[in-house]
């Protein structure tokens, strides 16, 4: 089965999200306190950029933020840093939105960002106030993120940099969700480029047709399982994050002064 993906997503699926690493403030080798550059060994997740009501926000999974918080309990101080160059810090001002009555807690963490933050990374924000809700007959989702096991260290003259490719997963949605949902498809094993999706947590899940797209969810888990000798099952679990849903989260966030 083939699914239509509009040109904006095809050209650069990761234009609306960035990788975040949980990085110590003490250099691993010298043990000297300094701004430690993200390495291939650091845990990482993905953050999605949105804009609504004239304010900018970053969304990731709560378990990504909890990885940071648990690391800080070890006695060494850690920060969330962007994988792009390690310079930009995302301070832990995240909140967990309240879950709908009778539903499990949301694996979502959201905070307000400086209006220029995404642009400084060469990224764009999803302007959800101008974005259509998903069509009622949605049949597939397009998930984007940065798997942490694909980080590679590239040595350079004056140090190193980390290469981290984006990952996209195109798979079917079997039912209209109220909160959590799954993307699932069976594919030929030879067509599967990645074995694990850990690190994609916090990345966007889009709906799309030939001409337009919109945000539909946030990745919180995914993977690949061999089902037969030549087939594999790919799956991504997401938290529902339509424009209306995200705006309801934003109402809980006090405005920051920049």
Protein backbone atom coordinates (compact mmCIF):
# COMPACT_ATOMS: atom_id res chain seq x y z
CA UNK A 1 0.00 0.00 0.00
CA UNK A 2 1.28 3.48 -0.83
CA UNK A 3 0.47 6.67 1.06
CA UNK A 4 0.60 10.25 -0.25
CA UNK A 5 3.10 12.56 1.49
CA UNK A 6 3.14 16.22 0.50
CA UNK A 7 6.29 17.89 -0.84
CA UNK A 8 7.00 19.91 2.34
CA UNK A 9 7.43 16.73 4.37
CA UNK A 10 9.24 14.84 1.61
CA UNK A 11 11.84 17.59 1.18
CA UNK A 12 12.86 17.82 4.84
CA UNK A 13 10.83 15.73 7.31
CA UNK A 14 12.89 16.90 10.31
CA UNK A 15 12.48 20.64 9.67
CA UNK A 16 10.11 20.92 12.66
CA UNK A 17 12.08 18.93 15.25
CA UNK A 18 15.57 18.57 16.72
CA UNK A 19 17.55 16.01 18.70
CA UNK A 20 18.22 16.61 22.40
CA UNK A 21 21.00 14.92 24.38
CA UNK A 22 21.28 14.43 28.14
CA UNK A 23 24.79 15.84 28.65
CA UNK A 24 26.93 16.22 31.80
CA UNK A 25 28.41 19.61 32.62
CA UNK A 26 31.70 17.90 33.51
CA UNK A 27 33.84 16.72 30.62
CA UNK A 28 33.94 12.91 30.49
CA UNK A 29 37.71 12.72 29.94
CA UNK A 30 39.25 15.70 31.72
CA UNK A 31 36.69 15.72 34.58
CA UNK A 32 36.88 19.51 34.44
CA UNK A 33 33.58 21.41 34.76
CA UNK A 34 32.76 22.77 31.32
CA UNK A 35 30.06 22.77 28.67
CA UNK A 36 30.43 19.15 27.56
CA UNK A 37 29.69 18.54 23.89
CA UNK A 38 27.12 15.81 23.19
CA UNK A 39 28.73 12.49 22.30
CA UNK A 40 27.53 9.28 20.70
CA UNK A 41 27.28 7.71 24.18
CA UNK A 42 24.75 10.17 25.60
CA UNK A 43 21.06 9.34 25.81
CA UNK A 44 18.93 11.46 23.52
CA UNK A 45 15.39 12.20 22.45
CA UNK A 46 13.57 14.49 20.02
CA UNK A 47 11.80 17.82 20.53
CA UNK A 48 9.03 19.18 18.28
CA UNK A 49 8.61 22.94 17.74
CA UNK A 50 5.15 24.54 17.63
CA UNK A 51 3.77 28.06 17.72
CA UNK A 52 0.36 29.20 18.91
CA UNK A 53 -1.12 32.49 20.11
CA UNK A 54 2.10 34.32 19.32
CA UNK A 55 4.13 32.03 21.63
CA UNK A 56 6.70 29.33 20.85
CA UNK A 57 6.90 25.90 22.50
CA UNK A 58 8.95 22.73 22.55
CA UNK A 59 7.27 19.35 23.03
CA UNK A 60 9.00 16.11 23.94
CA UNK A 61 8.14 13.02 25.96
CA UNK A 62 8.02 13.12 29.73
CA UNK A 63 10.28 10.05 29.89
CA UNK A 64 12.98 12.01 28.00
CA UNK A 65 12.85 14.75 30.65
CA UNK A 66 12.76 12.13 33.41
CA UNK A 67 15.99 10.65 32.00
CA UNK A 68 17.55 14.07 32.62
CA UNK A 69 16.06 14.35 36.11
CA UNK A 70 17.16 10.85 37.11
CA UNK A 71 20.69 11.52 35.84
CA UNK A 72 20.86 14.61 38.05
CA UNK A 73 20.09 12.47 41.09
CA UNK A 74 23.46 10.73 40.61
CA UNK A 75 25.35 13.69 42.03
CA UNK A 76 26.64 14.96 38.69
CA UNK A 77 24.85 17.81 36.95
CA UNK A 78 23.31 17.21 33.51
CA UNK A 79 21.60 19.44 30.96
CA UNK A 80 19.54 18.96 27.82
CA UNK A 81 21.59 20.17 24.85
CA UNK A 82 20.77 20.28 21.18
CA UNK A 83 22.64 17.71 19.12
CA UNK A 84 23.15 20.18 16.27
CA UNK A 85 26.16 21.83 17.88
CA UNK A 86 25.85 21.26 21.63
CA UNK A 87 25.76 24.99 22.34
CA UNK A 88 22.05 25.51 22.90
CA UNK A 89 20.63 24.42 26.24
CA UNK A 90 16.98 23.59 26.89
CA UNK A 91 16.49 24.17 30.61
CA UNK A 92 14.10 21.94 32.48
CA UNK A 93 11.03 24.15 32.67
CA UNK A 94 8.85 21.40 31.25
CA UNK A 95 5.39 20.62 32.58
CA UNK A 96 3.33 17.48 32.12
CA UNK A 97 -0.15 18.39 30.85
CA UNK A 98 -3.11 17.04 32.78
CA UNK A 99 -4.51 13.87 31.28
CA UNK A 100 -8.12 13.56 30.15
CA UNK A 101 -10.40 12.23 32.89
CA UNK A 102 -10.13 8.46 33.15
CA UNK A 103 -7.10 8.25 30.84
CA UNK A 104 -3.52 7.23 31.67
CA UNK A 105 -1.01 10.02 32.42
CA UNK A 106 0.33 11.72 29.31
CA UNK A 107 3.91 10.87 28.34
CA UNK A 108 4.24 14.49 27.25
CA UNK A 109 6.44 17.36 28.46
CA UNK A 110 6.05 20.88 27.08
CA UNK A 111 7.65 24.24 27.81
CA UNK A 112 7.68 27.71 26.30
CA UNK A 113 10.76 28.63 24.25
CA UNK A 114 12.30 31.88 23.09
CA UNK A 115 10.63 32.87 19.77
CA UNK A 116 13.99 32.64 17.96
CA UNK A 117 15.09 29.29 19.40
CA UNK A 118 13.96 27.02 16.55
CA UNK A 119 15.28 29.45 13.94
CA UNK A 120 18.69 29.52 15.64
CA UNK A 121 18.91 25.77 15.00
CA UNK A 122 17.89 26.14 11.37
CA UNK A 123 14.48 24.70 12.24
CA UNK A 124 10.88 25.84 11.76
CA UNK A 125 7.86 25.92 14.03
CA UNK A 126 4.55 24.27 13.27
CA UNK A 127 2.03 27.16 13.24
CA UNK A 128 -0.82 25.15 14.65
CA UNK A 129 -3.33 28.05 14.69
CA UNK A 130 -3.22 28.02 10.88
CA UNK A 131 -3.23 24.23 10.61
CA UNK A 132 -6.19 22.05 9.76
CA UNK A 133 -7.26 19.19 11.98
CA UNK A 134 -6.71 15.69 10.59
CA UNK A 135 -9.38 14.38 8.20
CA UNK A 136 -11.89 11.97 9.65
CA UNK A 137 -10.77 9.15 7.36
CA UNK A 138 -7.07 9.33 8.30
CA UNK A 139 -5.43 6.01 7.42
CA UNK A 140 -1.72 6.50 8.05
CA UNK A 141 0.80 8.52 10.00
CA UNK A 142 4.27 9.83 9.20
CA UNK A 143 6.56 9.78 12.25
CA UNK A 144 9.86 11.69 12.39
CA UNK A 145 12.72 11.67 14.90
CA UNK A 146 16.35 10.90 15.66
CA UNK A 147 17.18 7.32 16.80
CA UNK A 148 19.91 7.48 19.45
CA UNK A 149 21.68 4.30 18.33
CA UNK A 150 22.51 5.93 14.97
CA UNK A 151 24.78 8.60 16.47
CA UNK A 152 28.31 8.45 15.05
CA UNK A 153 31.46 10.34 16.08
CA UNK A 154 33.30 12.01 13.22
CA UNK A 155 36.85 13.06 14.08
CA UNK A 156 37.93 16.49 12.84
CA UNK A 157 41.10 18.62 13.03
CA UNK A 158 40.07 20.46 16.18
CA UNK A 159 37.90 17.87 17.89
CA UNK A 160 34.90 15.93 16.72
CA UNK A 161 31.29 16.28 15.75
CA UNK A 162 28.36 13.91 16.02
CA UNK A 163 26.49 12.75 12.95
CA UNK A 164 22.89 11.80 13.61
CA UNK A 165 20.54 11.04 10.71
CA UNK A 166 16.81 11.57 10.86
CA UNK A 167 14.44 8.63 10.72
CA UNK A 168 10.96 8.56 9.19
CA UNK A 169 8.33 5.86 9.66
CA UNK A 170 5.29 5.68 7.41
CA UNK A 171 2.67 3.25 8.69
CA UNK A 172 -1.05 2.62 8.96
CA UNK A 173 -3.44 3.88 11.64
CA UNK A 174 -6.08 1.27 12.34
CA UNK A 175 -8.55 3.32 14.38
CA UNK A 176 -9.46 6.85 15.37
CA UNK A 177 -7.79 7.42 18.77
CA UNK A 178 -8.99 9.33 21.82
CA UNK A 179 -5.50 9.66 23.31
CA UNK A 180 -2.91 6.99 22.54
CA UNK A 181 -2.66 5.26 19.21
CA UNK A 182 -0.41 3.03 17.15
CA UNK A 183 1.06 3.14 13.68
CA UNK A 184 1.57 -0.37 12.36
CA UNK A 185 2.53 -1.92 9.05
CA UNK A 186 4.06 -5.16 7.83
CA UNK A 187 6.82 -4.63 5.30
CA UNK A 188 9.60 -6.53 3.54
CA UNK A 189 12.54 -6.91 5.93
CA UNK A 190 14.97 -5.69 3.29
CA UNK A 191 13.15 -2.35 3.14
CA UNK A 192 13.63 -1.62 6.88
CA UNK A 193 16.50 0.84 7.31
CA UNK A 194 16.47 0.93 11.14
CA UNK A 195 16.13 -1.74 13.81
CA UNK A 196 15.33 0.53 16.76
CA UNK A 197 13.45 3.81 17.13
CA UNK A 198 14.66 4.71 20.64
CA UNK A 199 15.48 8.43 20.55
CA UNK A 200 12.54 9.29 18.31
CA UNK A 201 10.51 9.93 21.47
CA UNK A 202 9.15 13.47 21.30
CA UNK A 203 9.18 13.65 17.52
CA UNK A 204 6.09 14.62 15.51
CA UNK A 205 3.62 12.29 13.85
CA UNK A 206 1.99 13.93 10.82
CA UNK A 207 -1.06 13.29 8.73
CA UNK A 208 -0.69 14.18 5.09
CA UNK A 209 -2.21 14.07 1.64
CA UNK A 210 -0.78 15.11 -1.73
CA UNK A 211 -0.94 18.84 -0.97
CA UNK A 212 -1.09 19.55 2.78
CA UNK A 213 -0.19 18.11 6.16
CA UNK A 214 -0.70 18.66 9.87
CA UNK A 215 0.45 17.40 13.23
CA UNK A 216 -1.45 14.45 14.62
CA UNK A 217 0.66 13.03 17.45
CA UNK A 218 3.94 12.81 19.36
CA UNK A 219 6.08 9.65 19.24
CA UNK A 220 6.66 7.96 22.59
CA UNK A 221 7.84 4.47 21.55
CA UNK A 222 8.50 2.33 18.49
CA UNK A 223 10.42 -0.55 17.03
CA UNK A 224 10.79 -3.32 14.48
CA UNK A 225 10.04 -7.01 14.93
CA UNK A 226 10.72 -9.84 12.50
CA UNK A 227 7.46 -11.63 11.75
CA UNK A 228 8.50 -14.10 9.05
CA UNK A 229 11.67 -14.92 7.14
CA UNK A 230 11.13 -12.03 4.74
CA UNK A 231 8.61 -9.82 6.60
CA UNK A 232 8.92 -7.40 9.51
CA UNK A 233 6.41 -5.52 11.64
CA UNK A 234 7.12 -1.84 12.19
CA UNK A 235 5.23 0.03 14.88
CA UNK A 236 5.20 3.45 16.46
CA UNK A 237 3.11 4.40 19.49
CA UNK A 238 2.01 7.99 19.77
CA UNK A 239 0.21 10.39 22.06
CA UNK A 240 -2.58 12.22 20.25
CA UNK A 241 -1.41 15.80 19.59
CA UNK A 242 -3.75 17.57 17.20
CA UNK A 243 -3.71 21.40 17.05
CA UNK A 244 -6.72 21.54 19.40
CA UNK A 245 -5.06 19.10 21.81
CA UNK A 246 -1.80 21.06 21.87
CA UNK A 247 -3.66 24.33 22.48
CA UNK A 248 -5.31 22.72 25.50
CA UNK A 249 -1.84 21.88 26.87
CA UNK A 250 -0.62 25.43 26.25
CA UNK A 251 -3.41 26.85 28.42
CA UNK A 252 -1.66 25.27 31.41
CA UNK A 253 1.67 27.03 30.78
CA UNK A 254 2.30 30.45 32.36
CA UNK A 255 3.79 32.89 29.85
CA UNK A 256 7.51 33.62 30.13
CA UNK A 257 9.02 37.09 29.69
CA UNK A 258 11.84 37.24 27.14
